[in-house]
Amino acid sequence: MVEYSVITEGRNHLGEVPLWSERTQTLWWVDVIRCALHGFEPSTGRTHCAVVRGERLGSIALREDGGLLLATSEGIDTYDPQSGTQTYFAGRSNWRLRNATTTGVATARAASGSGR
């Protein structure tokens, strides 16, 4: 029988996009509605929570050189979990969160700003 346990009392409004970082041994996910990034380190029990810039946080991705990419309602930013620094990366002028789903998939039309 499979056993489950609560790993955080975060009470997400809409928890999505679970992502495992082999490098940091951290489970990351987003609360789309609260525009919050969450992390959990199973080996220590440590949790992270950061409210990031934007009205919505739709997707995250691991960066090769560390940290994360965040797809928010305002564009794509880099995020450094160690410092909490969020930095502009791309997409401000015509970006819309509807251009990317919570799976991180965007169409060519959406990426060019011409589609919905």
PDB file of N, CA and C in Angstrom:
ATOM      1  N   MET A   1       0.840  -1.179   0.000  1.00  0.00           N
ATOM      2  CA  MET A   1       0.000   0.000   0.000  1.00  0.00           C
ATOM      3  C   MET A   1       0.889   1.248   0.000  1.00  0.00           C
ATOM      4  N   VAL A   2       0.533   2.205  -0.820  1.00  0.00           N
ATOM      5  CA  VAL A   2       1.274   3.457  -0.913  1.00  0.00           C
ATOM      6  C   VAL A   2       0.865   4.367   0.232  1.00  0.00           C
ATOM      7  N   GLU A   3       1.859   4.986   0.873  1.00  0.00           N
ATOM      8  CA  GLU A   3       1.575   5.932   1.942  1.00  0.00           C
ATOM      9  C   GLU A   3       1.918   7.337   1.480  1.00  0.00           C
ATOM     10  N   TYR A   4       1.109   8.296   1.861  1.00  0.00           N
ATOM     11  CA  TYR A   4       1.301   9.692   1.500  1.00  0.00           C
ATOM     12  C   TYR A   4       1.502  10.514   2.757  1.00  0.00           C
ATOM     13  N   SER A   5       2.246  11.622   2.619  1.00  0.00           N
ATOM     14  CA  SER A   5       2.395  12.545   3.739  1.00  0.00           C
ATOM     15  C   SER A   5       2.439  13.971   3.208  1.00  0.00           C
ATOM     16  N   VAL A   6       2.014  14.898   4.029  1.00  0.00           N
ATOM     17  CA  VAL A   6       2.034  16.315   3.673  1.00  0.00           C
ATOM     18  C   VAL A   6       3.464  16.814   3.825  1.00  0.00           C
ATOM     19  N   ILE A   7       4.003  17.463   2.784  1.00  0.00           N
ATOM     20  CA  ILE A   7       5.382  17.948   2.862  1.00  0.00           C
ATOM     21  C   ILE A   7       5.460  19.417   3.240  1.00  0.00           C
ATOM     22  N   THR A   8       4.370  20.147   3.068  1.00  0.00           N
ATOM     23  CA  THR A   8       4.363  21.558   3.439  1.00  0.00           C
ATOM     24  C   THR A   8       2.929  21.996   3.702  1.00  0.00           C
ATOM     25  N   GLU A   9       2.777  22.954   4.548  1.00  0.00           N
ATOM     26  CA  GLU A   9       1.453  23.502   4.850  1.00  0.00           C
ATOM     27  C   GLU A   9       1.194  24.733   3.993  1.00  0.00           C
ATOM     28  N   GLY A  10       1.727  24.757   2.779  1.00  0.00           N
ATOM     29  CA  GLY A  10       1.655  25.914   1.897  1.00  0.00           C
ATOM     30  C   GLY A  10       0.264  26.349   1.485  1.00  0.00           C
ATOM     31  N   ARG A  11      -0.689  25.459   1.503  1.00  0.00           N
ATOM     32  CA  ARG A  11      -2.065  25.787   1.136  1.00  0.00           C
ATOM     33  C   ARG A  11      -2.135  26.524  -0.199  1.00  0.00           C
ATOM     34  N   ASN A  12      -1.566  25.916  -1.228  1.00  0.00           N
ATOM     35  CA  ASN A  12      -1.567  26.517  -2.563  1.00  0.00           C
ATOM     36  C   ASN A  12      -2.991  26.690  -3.075  1.00  0.00           C
ATOM     37  N   HIS A  13      -3.216  27.793  -3.796  1.00  0.00           N
ATOM     38  CA  HIS A  13      -4.511  27.993  -4.444  1.00  0.00           C
ATOM     39  C   HIS A  13      -4.606  27.129  -5.695  1.00  0.00           C
ATOM     40  N   LEU A  14      -3.514  27.065  -6.471  1.00  0.00           N
ATOM     41  CA  LEU A  14      -3.464  26.221  -7.661  1.00  0.00           C
ATOM     42  C   LEU A  14      -2.023  25.765  -7.857  1.00  0.00           C
ATOM     43  N   GLY A  15      -1.656  24.687  -7.170  1.00  0.00           N
ATOM     44  CA  GLY A  15      -0.299  24.146  -7.265  1.00  0.00           C
ATOM     45  C   GLY A  15      -0.127  23.372  -8.566  1.00  0.00           C
ATOM     46  N   GLU A  16       0.907  23.715  -9.334  1.00  0.00           N
ATOM     47  CA  GLU A  16       1.136  23.113 -10.651  1.00  0.00           C
ATOM     48  C   GLU A  16       2.623  22.959 -10.923  1.00  0.00           C
ATOM     49  N   VAL A  17       2.943  22.296 -11.995  1.00  0.00           N
ATOM     50  CA  VAL A  17       4.268  22.202 -12.612  1.00  0.00           C
ATOM     51  C   VAL A  17       5.331  21.641 -11.659  1.00  0.00           C
ATOM     52  N   PRO A  18       5.127  20.463 -11.089  1.00  0.00           N
ATOM     53  CA  PRO A  18       6.190  19.897 -10.245  1.00  0.00           C
ATOM     54  C   PRO A  18       7.442  19.634 -11.080  1.00  0.00           C
ATOM     55  N   LEU A  19       8.591  19.994 -10.535  1.00  0.00           N
ATOM     56  CA  LEU A  19       9.858  19.879 -11.263  1.00  0.00           C
ATOM     57  C   LEU A  19      10.947  19.465 -10.282  1.00  0.00           C
ATOM     58  N   TRP A  20      11.621  18.359 -10.557  1.00  0.00           N
ATOM     59  CA  TRP A  20      12.682  17.852  -9.687  1.00  0.00           C
ATOM     60  C   TRP A  20      14.038  18.328 -10.177  1.00  0.00           C
ATOM     61  N   SER A  21      14.837  18.914  -9.283  1.00  0.00           N
ATOM     62  CA  SER A  21      16.211  19.302  -9.597  1.00  0.00           C
ATOM     63  C   SER A  21      17.152  18.257  -9.020  1.00  0.00           C
ATOM     64  N   GLU A  22      17.764  17.484  -9.901  1.00  0.00           N
ATOM     65  CA  GLU A  22      18.738  16.478  -9.475  1.00  0.00           C
ATOM     66  C   GLU A  22      19.930  17.159  -8.808  1.00  0.00           C
ATOM     67  N   ARG A  23      20.342  18.305  -9.350  1.00  0.00           N
ATOM     68  CA  ARG A  23      21.509  19.032  -8.845  1.00  0.00           C
ATOM     69  C   ARG A  23      21.342  19.454  -7.389  1.00  0.00           C
ATOM     70  N   THR A  24      20.193  20.051  -7.069  1.00  0.00           N
ATOM     71  CA  THR A  24      19.991  20.571  -5.713  1.00  0.00           C
ATOM     72  C   THR A  24      19.133  19.653  -4.846  1.00  0.00           C
ATOM     73  N   GLN A  25      18.653  18.541  -5.451  1.00  0.00           N
ATOM     74  CA  GLN A  25      17.785  17.612  -4.728  1.00  0.00           C
ATOM     75  C   GLN A  25      16.580  18.351  -4.146  1.00  0.00           C
ATOM     76  N   THR A  26      15.958  19.166  -5.003  1.00  0.00           N
ATOM     77  CA  THR A  26      14.824  19.989  -4.593  1.00  0.00           C
ATOM     78  C   THR A  26      13.642  19.746  -5.513  1.00  0.00           C
ATOM     79  N   LEU A  27      12.460  19.612  -4.933  1.00  0.00           N
ATOM     80  CA  LEU A  27      11.223  19.559  -5.697  1.00  0.00           C
ATOM     81  C   LEU A  27      10.671  20.979  -5.757  1.00  0.00           C
ATOM     82  N   TRP A  28      10.529  21.516  -6.966  1.00  0.00           N
ATOM     83  CA  TRP A  28       9.986  22.859  -7.182  1.00  0.00           C
ATOM     84  C   TRP A  28       8.579  22.744  -7.745  1.00  0.00           C
ATOM     85  N   TRP A  29       7.710  23.703  -7.436  1.00  0.00           N
ATOM     86  CA  TRP A  29       6.395  23.812  -8.053  1.00  0.00           C
ATOM     87  C   TRP A  29       5.913  25.242  -7.891  1.00  0.00           C
ATOM     88  N   VAL A  30       4.846  25.589  -8.610  1.00  0.00           N
ATOM     89  CA  VAL A  30       4.324  26.952  -8.563  1.00  0.00           C
ATOM     90  C   VAL A  30       2.895  26.960  -8.042  1.00  0.00           C
ATOM     91  N   ASP A  31       2.527  28.062  -7.415  1.00  0.00           N
ATOM     92  CA  ASP A  31       1.127  28.364  -7.123  1.00  0.00           C
ATOM     93  C   ASP A  31       0.750  29.420  -8.152  1.00  0.00           C
ATOM     94  N   VAL A  32       0.058  29.004  -9.188  1.00  0.00           N
ATOM     95  CA  VAL A  32      -0.251  29.875 -10.317  1.00  0.00           C
ATOM     96  C   VAL A  32      -0.999  31.125  -9.865  1.00  0.00           C
ATOM     97  N   ILE A  33      -2.000  30.975  -9.032  1.00  0.00           N
ATOM     98  CA  ILE A  33      -2.854  32.085  -8.612  1.00  0.00           C
ATOM     99  C   ILE A  33      -2.101  33.087  -7.741  1.00  0.00           C
ATOM    100  N   ARG A  34      -1.327  32.623  -6.800  1.00  0.00           N
ATOM    101  CA  ARG A  34      -0.594  33.522  -5.894  1.00  0.00           C
ATOM    102  C   ARG A  34       0.724  34.020  -6.472  1.00  0.00           C
ATOM    103  N   CYS A  35       1.097  33.526  -7.650  1.00  0.00           N
ATOM    104  CA  CYS A  35       2.378  33.880  -8.281  1.00  0.00           C
ATOM    105  C   CYS A  35       3.526  33.578  -7.322  1.00  0.00           C
ATOM    106  N   ALA A  36       3.497  32.359  -6.784  1.00  0.00           N
ATOM    107  CA  ALA A  36       4.501  31.953  -5.801  1.00  0.00           C
ATOM    108  C   ALA A  36       5.263  30.725  -6.287  1.00  0.00           C
ATOM    109  N   LEU A  37       6.544  30.717  -5.986  1.00  0.00           N
ATOM    110  CA  LEU A  37       7.421  29.592  -6.287  1.00  0.00           C
ATOM    111  C   LEU A  37       7.694  28.858  -4.983  1.00  0.00           C
ATOM    112  N   HIS A  38       7.504  27.547  -5.000  1.00  0.00           N
ATOM    113  CA  HIS A  38       7.732  26.730  -3.811  1.00  0.00           C
ATOM    114  C   HIS A  38       8.819  25.700  -4.085  1.00  0.00           C
ATOM    115  N   GLY A  39       9.570  25.369  -3.049  1.00  0.00           N
ATOM    116  CA  GLY A  39      10.579  24.326  -3.151  1.00  0.00           C
ATOM    117  C   GLY A  39      10.607  23.497  -1.881  1.00  0.00           C
ATOM    118  N   PHE A  40      10.991  22.235  -2.029  1.00  0.00           N
ATOM    119  CA  PHE A  40      11.079  21.325  -0.892  1.00  0.00           C
ATOM    120  C   PHE A  40      12.297  20.440  -1.067  1.00  0.00           C
ATOM    121  N   GLU A  41      13.147  20.397  -0.030  1.00  0.00           N
ATOM    122  CA  GLU A  41      14.333  19.539  -0.015  1.00  0.00           C
ATOM    123  C   GLU A  41      14.048  18.349   0.904  1.00  0.00           C
ATOM    124  N   PRO A  42      13.756  17.179   0.343  1.00  0.00           N
ATOM    125  CA  PRO A  42      13.392  16.017   1.165  1.00  0.00           C
ATOM    126  C   PRO A  42      14.452  15.609   2.182  1.00  0.00           C
ATOM    127  N   SER A  43      15.728  15.760   1.847  1.00  0.00           N
ATOM    128  CA  SER A  43      16.786  15.305   2.759  1.00  0.00           C
ATOM    129  C   SER A  43      16.849  16.110   4.048  1.00  0.00           C
ATOM    130  N   THR A  44      16.444  17.382   3.990  1.00  0.00           N
ATOM    131  CA  THR A  44      16.508  18.243   5.170  1.00  0.00           C
ATOM    132  C   THR A  44      15.133  18.627   5.705  1.00  0.00           C
ATOM    133  N   GLY A  45      14.100  18.462   4.865  1.00  0.00           N
ATOM    134  CA  GLY A  45      12.766  18.903   5.242  1.00  0.00           C
ATOM    135  C   GLY A  45      12.562  20.390   5.032  1.00  0.00           C
ATOM    136  N   ARG A  46      13.581  21.066   4.518  1.00  0.00           N
ATOM    137  CA  ARG A  46      13.524  22.521   4.315  1.00  0.00           C
ATOM    138  C   ARG A  46      12.565  22.867   3.174  1.00  0.00           C
ATOM    139  N   THR A  47      11.777  23.919   3.373  1.00  0.00           N
ATOM    140  CA  THR A  47      10.879  24.408   2.335  1.00  0.00           C
ATOM    141  C   THR A  47      11.256  25.833   1.954  1.00  0.00           C
ATOM    142  N   HIS A  48      10.933  26.205   0.728  1.00  0.00           N
ATOM    143  CA  HIS A  48      11.163  27.556   0.213  1.00  0.00           C
ATOM    144  C   HIS A  48       9.828  28.080  -0.297  1.00  0.00           C
ATOM    145  N   CYS A  49       9.602  29.364  -0.158  1.00  0.00           N
ATOM    146  CA  CYS A  49       8.441  29.999  -0.772  1.00  0.00           C
ATOM    147  C   CYS A  49       8.824  31.429  -1.107  1.00  0.00           C
ATOM    148  N   ALA A  50       8.616  31.810  -2.363  1.00  0.00           N
ATOM    149  CA  ALA A  50       8.902  33.176  -2.791  1.00  0.00           C
ATOM    150  C   ALA A  50       7.774  33.657  -3.682  1.00  0.00           C
ATOM    151  N   VAL A  51       7.214  34.818  -3.364  1.00  0.00           N
ATOM    152  CA  VAL A  51       6.244  35.448  -4.248  1.00  0.00           C
ATOM    153  C   VAL A  51       7.055  36.205  -5.279  1.00  0.00           C
ATOM    154  N   VAL A  52       6.804  35.925  -6.552  1.00  0.00           N
ATOM    155  CA  VAL A  52       7.609  36.516  -7.618  1.00  0.00           C
ATOM    156  C   VAL A  52       6.820  37.589  -8.362  1.00  0.00           C
ATOM    157  N   ARG A  53       7.538  38.416  -9.113  1.00  0.00           N
ATOM    158  CA  ARG A  53       6.947  39.516  -9.864  1.00  0.00           C
ATOM    159  C   ARG A  53       6.021  38.963 -10.947  1.00  0.00           C
ATOM    160  N   GLY A  54       4.846  39.584 -11.090  1.00  0.00           N
ATOM    161  CA  GLY A  54       3.870  39.183 -12.095  1.00  0.00           C
ATOM    162  C   GLY A  54       2.538  38.877 -11.440  1.00  0.00           C
ATOM    163  N   GLU A  55       1.488  38.854 -12.250  1.00  0.00           N
ATOM    164  CA  GLU A  55       0.163  38.521 -11.734  1.00  0.00           C
ATOM    165  C   GLU A  55      -0.048  37.018 -11.652  1.00  0.00           C
ATOM    166  N   ARG A  56       0.599  36.276 -12.554  1.00  0.00           N
ATOM    167  CA  ARG A  56       0.479  34.821 -12.574  1.00  0.00           C
ATOM    168  C   ARG A  56       1.832  34.208 -12.893  1.00  0.00           C
ATOM    169  N   LEU A  57       2.091  33.043 -12.332  1.00  0.00           N
ATOM    170  CA  LEU A  57       3.300  32.272 -12.624  1.00  0.00           C
ATOM    171  C   LEU A  57       2.834  30.972 -13.259  1.00  0.00           C
ATOM    172  N   GLY A  58       3.156  30.775 -14.556  1.00  0.00           N
ATOM    173  CA  GLY A  58       2.618  29.641 -15.288  1.00  0.00           C
ATOM    174  C   GLY A  58       3.530  28.445 -15.383  1.00  0.00           C
ATOM    175  N   SER A  59       4.837  28.672 -15.531  1.00  0.00           N
ATOM    176  CA  SER A  59       5.768  27.564 -15.730  1.00  0.00           C
ATOM    177  C   SER A  59       7.135  27.896 -15.154  1.00  0.00           C
ATOM    178  N   ILE A  60       7.899  26.848 -14.890  1.00  0.00           N
ATOM    179  CA  ILE A  60       9.283  27.002 -14.452  1.00  0.00           C
ATOM    180  C   ILE A  60      10.140  25.991 -15.198  1.00  0.00           C
ATOM    181  N   ALA A  61      11.415  26.299 -15.289  1.00  0.00           N
ATOM    182  CA  ALA A  61      12.375  25.382 -15.909  1.00  0.00           C
ATOM    183  C   ALA A  61      13.707  25.547 -15.203  1.00  0.00           C
ATOM    184  N   LEU A  62      14.489  24.484 -15.174  1.00  0.00           N
ATOM    185  CA  LEU A  62      15.824  24.537 -14.580  1.00  0.00           C
ATOM    186  C   LEU A  62      16.794  25.155 -15.571  1.00  0.00           C
ATOM    187  N   ARG A  63      17.708  25.984 -15.079  1.00  0.00           N
ATOM    188  CA  ARG A  63      18.758  26.562 -15.914  1.00  0.00           C
ATOM    189  C   ARG A  63      19.998  25.692 -15.808  1.00  0.00           C
ATOM    190  N   GLU A  64      20.693  25.549 -16.904  1.00  0.00           N
ATOM    191  CA  GLU A  64      21.893  24.718 -16.937  1.00  0.00           C
ATOM    192  C   GLU A  64      22.943  25.201 -15.946  1.00  0.00           C
ATOM    193  N   ASP A  65      23.059  26.526 -15.786  1.00  0.00           N
ATOM    194  CA  ASP A  65      24.072  27.076 -14.883  1.00  0.00           C
ATOM    195  C   ASP A  65      23.530  27.344 -13.480  1.00  0.00           C
ATOM    196  N   GLY A  66      22.381  26.766 -13.161  1.00  0.00           N
ATOM    197  CA  GLY A  66      21.793  26.926 -11.836  1.00  0.00           C
ATOM    198  C   GLY A  66      20.642  27.910 -11.846  1.00  0.00           C
ATOM    199  N   GLY A  67      19.791  27.807 -10.863  1.00  0.00           N
ATOM    200  CA  GLY A  67      18.628  28.678 -10.792  1.00  0.00           C
ATOM    201  C   GLY A  67      17.515  28.195 -11.697  1.00  0.00           C
ATOM    202  N   LEU A  68      16.538  29.064 -11.876  1.00  0.00           N
ATOM    203  CA  LEU A  68      15.331  28.702 -12.614  1.00  0.00           C
ATOM    204  C   LEU A  68      14.954  29.771 -13.628  1.00  0.00           C
ATOM    205  N   LEU A  69      14.184  29.373 -14.624  1.00  0.00           N
ATOM    206  CA  LEU A  69      13.484  30.297 -15.505  1.00  0.00           C
ATOM    207  C   LEU A  69      12.041  30.318 -15.047  1.00  0.00           C
ATOM    208  N   LEU A  70      11.434  31.505 -15.012  1.00  0.00           N
ATOM    209  CA  LEU A  70      10.045  31.661 -14.606  1.00  0.00           C
ATOM    210  C   LEU A  70       9.254  32.251 -15.759  1.00  0.00           C
ATOM    211  N   ALA A  71       8.156  31.620 -16.154  1.00  0.00           N
ATOM    212  CA  ALA A  71       7.251  32.187 -17.157  1.00  0.00           C
ATOM    213  C   ALA A  71       6.088  32.811 -16.397  1.00  0.00           C
ATOM    214  N   THR A  72       6.082  34.139 -16.329  1.00  0.00           N
ATOM    215  CA  THR A  72       5.050  34.863 -15.593  1.00  0.00           C
ATOM    216  C   THR A  72       4.146  35.609 -16.563  1.00  0.00           C
ATOM    217  N   SER A  73       3.143  36.257 -16.021  1.00  0.00           N
ATOM    218  CA  SER A  73       2.235  37.057 -16.833  1.00  0.00           C
ATOM    219  C   SER A  73       2.953  38.242 -17.468  1.00  0.00           C
ATOM    220  N   GLU A  74       4.137  38.581 -16.996  1.00  0.00           N
ATOM    221  CA  GLU A  74       4.873  39.733 -17.513  1.00  0.00           C
ATOM    222  C   GLU A  74       6.041  39.357 -18.406  1.00  0.00           C
ATOM    223  N   GLY A  75       6.341  38.083 -18.546  1.00  0.00           N
ATOM    224  CA  GLY A  75       7.449  37.663 -19.393  1.00  0.00           C
ATOM    225  C   GLY A  75       8.196  36.495 -18.784  1.00  0.00           C
ATOM    226  N   ILE A  76       9.405  36.301 -19.260  1.00  0.00           N
ATOM    227  CA  ILE A  76      10.252  35.226 -18.754  1.00  0.00           C
ATOM    228  C   ILE A  76      11.421  35.849 -18.004  1.00  0.00           C
ATOM    229  N   ASP A  77      11.631  35.394 -16.786  1.00  0.00           N
ATOM    230  CA  ASP A  77      12.694  35.911 -15.927  1.00  0.00           C
ATOM    231  C   ASP A  77      13.575  34.769 -15.451  1.00  0.00           C
ATOM    232  N   THR A  78      14.775  35.110 -15.020  1.00  0.00           N
ATOM    233  CA  THR A  78      15.613  34.153 -14.312  1.00  0.00           C
ATOM    234  C   THR A  78      15.366  34.354 -12.820  1.00  0.00           C
ATOM    235  N   TYR A  79      15.612  33.303 -12.052  1.00  0.00           N
ATOM    236  CA  TYR A  79      15.427  33.389 -10.605  1.00  0.00           C
ATOM    237  C   TYR A  79      16.545  32.621  -9.924  1.00  0.00           C
ATOM    238  N   ASP A  80      17.181  33.272  -8.952  1.00  0.00           N
ATOM    239  CA  ASP A  80      18.240  32.653  -8.157  1.00  0.00           C
ATOM    240  C   ASP A  80      17.670  32.325  -6.778  1.00  0.00           C
ATOM    241  N   PRO A  81      17.420  31.049  -6.476  1.00  0.00           N
ATOM    242  CA  PRO A  81      16.846  30.684  -5.180  1.00  0.00           C
ATOM    243  C   PRO A  81      17.734  31.042  -3.989  1.00  0.00           C
ATOM    244  N   GLN A  82      19.040  31.077  -4.190  1.00  0.00           N
ATOM    245  CA  GLN A  82      19.955  31.406  -3.089  1.00  0.00           C
ATOM    246  C   GLN A  82      19.782  32.850  -2.625  1.00  0.00           C
ATOM    247  N   SER A  83      19.680  33.777  -3.576  1.00  0.00           N
ATOM    248  CA  SER A  83      19.585  35.196  -3.226  1.00  0.00           C
ATOM    249  C   SER A  83      18.157  35.728  -3.272  1.00  0.00           C
ATOM    250  N   GLY A  84      17.264  35.003  -3.952  1.00  0.00           N
ATOM    251  CA  GLY A  84      15.898  35.488  -4.133  1.00  0.00           C
ATOM    252  C   GLY A  84      15.784  36.525  -5.239  1.00  0.00           C
ATOM    253  N   THR A  85      16.821  36.651  -6.067  1.00  0.00           N
ATOM    254  CA  THR A  85      16.849  37.660  -7.121  1.00  0.00           C
ATOM    255  C   THR A  85      16.115  37.181  -8.367  1.00  0.00           C
ATOM    256  N   GLN A  86      15.184  38.008  -8.840  1.00  0.00           N
ATOM    257  CA  GLN A  86      14.446  37.756 -10.073  1.00  0.00           C
ATOM    258  C   GLN A  86      14.888  38.798 -11.090  1.00  0.00           C
ATOM    259  N   THR A  87      15.337  38.351 -12.277  1.00  0.00           N
ATOM    260  CA  THR A  87      15.906  39.248 -13.278  1.00  0.00           C
ATOM    261  C   THR A  87      15.222  39.051 -14.626  1.00  0.00           C
ATOM    262  N   TYR A  88      14.929  40.168 -15.308  1.00  0.00           N
ATOM    263  CA  TYR A  88      14.325  40.120 -16.641  1.00  0.00           C
ATOM    264  C   TYR A  88      15.157  39.248 -17.571  1.00  0.00           C
ATOM    265  N   PHE A  89      14.500  38.431 -18.379  1.00  0.00           N
ATOM    266  CA  PHE A  89      15.182  37.609 -19.371  1.00  0.00           C
ATOM    267  C   PHE A  89      14.636  37.874 -20.773  1.00  0.00           C
ATOM    268  N   ALA A  90      13.311  37.808 -20.962  1.00  0.00           N
ATOM    269  CA  ALA A  90      12.745  38.002 -22.306  1.00  0.00           C
ATOM    270  C   ALA A  90      11.239  38.227 -22.240  1.00  0.00           C
ATOM    271  N   GLY A  91      10.714  38.851 -23.313  1.00  0.00           N
ATOM    272  CA  GLY A  91       9.288  38.823 -23.583  1.00  0.00           C
ATOM    273  C   GLY A  91       8.394  39.897 -23.020  1.00  0.00           C
ATOM    274  N   ARG A  92       8.893  40.992 -22.510  1.00  0.00           N
ATOM    275  CA  ARG A  92       8.021  41.956 -21.854  1.00  0.00           C
ATOM    276  C   ARG A  92       7.011  42.648 -22.786  1.00  0.00           C
ATOM    277  N   SER A  93       7.402  43.078 -23.958  1.00  0.00           N
ATOM    278  CA  SER A  93       6.567  43.975 -24.751  1.00  0.00           C
ATOM    279  C   SER A  93       5.231  43.378 -25.191  1.00  0.00           C
ATOM    280  N   ASN A  94       5.210  42.132 -25.616  1.00  0.00           N
ATOM    281  CA  ASN A  94       3.949  41.564 -26.105  1.00  0.00           C
ATOM    282  C   ASN A  94       3.616  40.224 -25.462  1.00  0.00           C
ATOM    283  N   TRP A  95       4.188  39.960 -24.331  1.00  0.00           N
ATOM    284  CA  TRP A  95       3.992  38.679 -23.650  1.00  0.00           C
ATOM    285  C   TRP A  95       2.633  38.635 -22.976  1.00  0.00           C
ATOM    286  N   ARG A  96       2.002  37.487 -23.031  1.00  0.00           N
ATOM    287  CA  ARG A  96       0.774  37.221 -22.286  1.00  0.00           C
ATOM    288  C   ARG A  96       0.888  35.815 -21.719  1.00  0.00           C
ATOM    289  N   LEU A  97       0.499  35.626 -20.469  1.00  0.00           N
ATOM    290  CA  LEU A  97       0.587  34.299 -19.859  1.00  0.00           C
ATOM    291  C   LEU A  97      -0.200  33.275 -20.665  1.00  0.00           C
ATOM    292  N   ARG A  98      -1.265  33.718 -21.317  1.00  0.00           N
ATOM    293  CA  ARG A  98      -2.042  32.756 -22.097  1.00  0.00           C
ATOM    294  C   ARG A  98      -1.216  32.148 -23.226  1.00  0.00           C
ATOM    295  N   ASN A  99      -0.055  32.756 -23.543  1.00  0.00           N
ATOM    296  CA  ASN A  99       0.810  32.227 -24.588  1.00  0.00           C
ATOM    297  C   ASN A  99       1.512  30.946 -24.160  1.00  0.00           C
ATOM    298  N   ALA A 100       1.560  30.662 -22.884  1.00  0.00           N
ATOM    299  CA  ALA A 100       2.226  29.450 -22.388  1.00  0.00           C
ATOM    300  C   ALA A 100       1.301  28.754 -21.403  1.00  0.00           C
ATOM    301  N   THR A 101       1.224  27.467 -21.510  1.00  0.00           N
ATOM    302  CA  THR A 101       0.402  26.715 -20.583  1.00  0.00           C
ATOM    303  C   THR A 101       1.227  26.382 -19.349  1.00  0.00           C
ATOM    304  N   THR A 102       0.591  25.770 -18.376  1.00  0.00           N
ATOM    305  CA  THR A 102       1.329  25.383 -17.178  1.00  0.00           C
ATOM    306  C   THR A 102       2.251  24.209 -17.425  1.00  0.00           C
ATOM    307  N   THR A 103       2.240  23.664 -18.631  1.00  0.00           N
ATOM    308  CA  THR A 103       3.212  22.628 -18.974  1.00  0.00           C
ATOM    309  C   THR A 103       4.450  23.240 -19.604  1.00  0.00           C
ATOM    310  N   GLY A 104       4.446  24.547 -19.796  1.00  0.00           N
ATOM    311  CA  GLY A 104       5.592  25.227 -20.372  1.00  0.00           C
ATOM    312  C   GLY A 104       5.627  25.177 -21.878  1.00  0.00           C
ATOM    313  N   VAL A 105       4.527  24.784 -22.504  1.00  0.00           N
ATOM    314  CA  VAL A 105       4.477  24.669 -23.957  1.00  0.00           C
ATOM    315  C   VAL A 105       3.940  25.965 -24.543  1.00  0.00           C
ATOM    316  N   ALA A 106       4.614  26.478 -25.541  1.00  0.00           N
ATOM    317  CA  ALA A 106       4.137  27.664 -26.244  1.00  0.00           C
ATOM    318  C   ALA A 106       4.169  27.387 -27.736  1.00  0.00           C
ATOM    319  N   THR A 107       3.221  27.920 -28.452  1.00  0.00           N
ATOM    320  CA  THR A 107       3.204  27.734 -29.895  1.00  0.00           C
ATOM    321  C   THR A 107       4.079  28.777 -30.560  1.00  0.00           C
ATOM    322  N   ALA A 108       4.414  28.559 -31.819  1.00  0.00           N
ATOM    323  CA  ALA A 108       5.205  29.538 -32.564  1.00  0.00           C
ATOM    324  C   ALA A 108       4.446  30.850 -32.672  1.00  0.00           C
ATOM    325  N   ARG A 109       3.132  30.793 -32.884  1.00  0.00           N
ATOM    326  CA  ARG A 109       2.339  32.026 -32.954  1.00  0.00           C
ATOM    327  C   ARG A 109       2.375  32.764 -31.630  1.00  0.00           C
ATOM    328  N   ALA A 110       2.277  32.036 -30.542  1.00  0.00           N
ATOM    329  CA  ALA A 110       2.305  32.672 -29.226  1.00  0.00           C
ATOM    330  C   ALA A 110       3.664  33.286 -28.958  1.00  0.00           C
ATOM    331  N   ALA A 111       4.719  32.583 -29.315  1.00  0.00           N
ATOM    332  CA  ALA A 111       6.068  33.083 -29.075  1.00  0.00           C
ATOM    333  C   ALA A 111       6.336  34.354 -29.861  1.00  0.00           C
ATOM    334  N   SER A 112       5.726  34.485 -31.047  1.00  0.00           N
ATOM    335  CA  SER A 112       5.941  35.676 -31.863  1.00  0.00           C
ATOM    336  C   SER A 112       5.048  36.824 -31.429  1.00  0.00           C
ATOM    337  N   GLY A 113       4.072  36.534 -30.563  1.00  0.00           N
ATOM    338  CA  GLY A 113       3.163  37.574 -30.099  1.00  0.00           C
ATOM    339  C   GLY A 113       1.960  37.752 -31.005  1.00  0.00           C
ATOM    340  N   SER A 114       1.844  36.948 -32.069  1.00  0.00           N
ATOM    341  CA  SER A 114       0.754  37.112 -33.020  1.00  0.00           C
ATOM    342  C   SER A 114      -0.459  36.251 -32.705  1.00  0.00           C
ATOM    343  N   GLY A 115      -0.322  35.326 -31.781  1.00  0.00           N
ATOM    344  CA  GLY A 115      -1.430  34.402 -31.523  1.00  0.00           C
ATOM    345  C   GLY A 115      -1.972  34.494 -30.129  1.00  0.00           C
ATOM    346  N   ARG A 116      -3.121  33.860 -29.957  1.00  0.00           N
ATOM    347  CA  ARG A 116      -3.730  33.773 -28.629  1.00  0.00           C
ATOM    348  C   ARG A 116      -3.775  32.343 -28.210  1.00  0.00           C
TER     349      ARG A 116
END
